[in-house]
Amino acid sequence: MDRENSKIFSKTEKMKMLYEAKAEDVEFSAAEADGEDLEAQARSIEADKRQLHQILKKK
């Protein structure tokens, strides 16, 4: 990202971009979660971070 087009986004702006990019309707119940569910949730969080990084890189 070059300095001329770089912008520091607020946390709210970042979250809005992430939610707009995410098109999932997934329900999660911590009470019914097993190890695989928790692992999948952790992978999902990491994927969201990578996706947000890509969104910010394009802007």
C-alpha atoms as a PDB file:
ATOM      1  CA  MET A   1       0.000   0.000   0.000  1.00  0.00           C
ATOM      2  CA  ASP A   2       1.462   3.346  -0.955  1.00  0.00           C
ATOM      3  CA  ARG A   3       1.408   6.305   1.409  1.00  0.00           C
ATOM      4  CA  GLU A   4      -0.686   8.517  -0.882  1.00  0.00           C
ATOM      5  CA  ASN A   5      -3.638   6.107  -0.847  1.00  0.00           C
ATOM      6  CA  SER A   6      -3.172   4.788   2.667  1.00  0.00           C
ATOM      7  CA  LYS A   7      -5.800   5.541   5.249  1.00  0.00           C
ATOM      8  CA  ILE A   8      -6.052   4.485   8.852  1.00  0.00           C
ATOM      9  CA  PHE A   9      -9.435   2.869   9.314  1.00  0.00           C
ATOM     10  CA  SER A  10     -11.290   2.934  12.611  1.00  0.00           C
ATOM     11  CA  LYS A  11     -12.272  -0.329  14.248  1.00  0.00           C
ATOM     12  CA  THR A  12     -15.882   0.329  13.249  1.00  0.00           C
ATOM     13  CA  GLU A  13     -14.931   0.862   9.614  1.00  0.00           C
ATOM     14  CA  LYS A  14     -12.874  -2.345   9.622  1.00  0.00           C
ATOM     15  CA  MET A  15     -15.722  -4.350  11.140  1.00  0.00           C
ATOM     16  CA  LYS A  16     -18.210  -2.930   8.617  1.00  0.00           C
ATOM     17  CA  MET A  17     -15.919  -3.942   5.731  1.00  0.00           C
ATOM     18  CA  LEU A  18     -15.540  -7.406   7.198  1.00  0.00           C
ATOM     19  CA  TYR A  19     -19.281  -7.880   7.677  1.00  0.00           C
ATOM     20  CA  GLU A  20     -19.965  -6.670   4.148  1.00  0.00           C
ATOM     21  CA  ALA A  21     -17.441  -9.147   2.763  1.00  0.00           C
ATOM     22  CA  LYS A  22     -18.823 -12.007   4.809  1.00  0.00           C
ATOM     23  CA  ALA A  23     -21.949 -13.621   3.420  1.00  0.00           C
ATOM     24  CA  GLU A  24     -22.522 -16.390   5.918  1.00  0.00           C
ATOM     25  CA  ASP A  25     -25.509 -17.343   8.066  1.00  0.00           C
ATOM     26  CA  VAL A  26     -24.019 -19.695  10.607  1.00  0.00           C
ATOM     27  CA  GLU A  27     -25.373 -20.381  14.051  1.00  0.00           C
ATOM     28  CA  PHE A  28     -22.940 -21.322  16.799  1.00  0.00           C
ATOM     29  CA  SER A  29     -23.866 -22.820  20.151  1.00  0.00           C
ATOM     30  CA  ALA A  30     -21.012 -22.857  22.649  1.00  0.00           C
ATOM     31  CA  ALA A  31     -22.977 -25.303  24.823  1.00  0.00           C
ATOM     32  CA  GLU A  32     -23.099 -27.874  22.011  1.00  0.00           C
ATOM     33  CA  ALA A  33     -19.635 -27.210  20.561  1.00  0.00           C
ATOM     34  CA  ASP A  34     -17.048 -29.971  20.513  1.00  0.00           C
ATOM     35  CA  GLY A  35     -13.313 -29.778  19.816  1.00  0.00           C
ATOM     36  CA  GLU A  36     -13.795 -29.757  16.053  1.00  0.00           C
ATOM     37  CA  ASP A  37     -16.298 -26.905  16.308  1.00  0.00           C
ATOM     38  CA  LEU A  38     -13.925 -24.839  18.402  1.00  0.00           C
ATOM     39  CA  GLU A  39     -11.089 -25.543  15.964  1.00  0.00           C
ATOM     40  CA  ALA A  40     -13.308 -24.508  13.047  1.00  0.00           C
ATOM     41  CA  GLN A  41     -14.244 -21.320  14.865  1.00  0.00           C
ATOM     42  CA  ALA A  42     -10.570 -20.482  15.430  1.00  0.00           C
ATOM     43  CA  ARG A  43      -9.831 -21.104  11.725  1.00  0.00           C
ATOM     44  CA  SER A  44     -12.761 -18.880  10.822  1.00  0.00           C
ATOM     45  CA  ILE A  45     -11.426 -16.040  12.967  1.00  0.00           C
ATOM     46  CA  GLU A  46      -7.994 -16.338  11.320  1.00  0.00           C
ATOM     47  CA  ALA A  47      -9.615 -16.389   7.865  1.00  0.00           C
ATOM     48  CA  ASP A  48     -11.572 -13.240   8.743  1.00  0.00           C
ATOM     49  CA  LYS A  49      -8.317 -11.509   9.699  1.00  0.00           C
ATOM     50  CA  ARG A  50      -6.724 -12.502   6.377  1.00  0.00           C
ATOM     51  CA  GLN A  51      -9.803 -11.393   4.462  1.00  0.00           C
ATOM     52  CA  LEU A  52      -9.860  -8.029   6.237  1.00  0.00           C
ATOM     53  CA  HIS A  53      -6.156  -7.612   5.455  1.00  0.00           C
ATOM     54  CA  GLN A  54      -6.917  -8.208   1.759  1.00  0.00           C
ATOM     55  CA  ILE A  55      -9.790  -5.701   1.834  1.00  0.00           C
ATOM     56  CA  LEU A  56      -7.590  -3.048   3.415  1.00  0.00           C
ATOM     57  CA  LYS A  57      -4.788  -3.815   0.964  1.00  0.00           C
ATOM     58  CA  LYS A  58      -7.124  -3.110  -1.997  1.00  0.00           C
ATOM     59  CA  LYS A  59      -8.281   0.261  -0.643  1.00  0.00           C
END
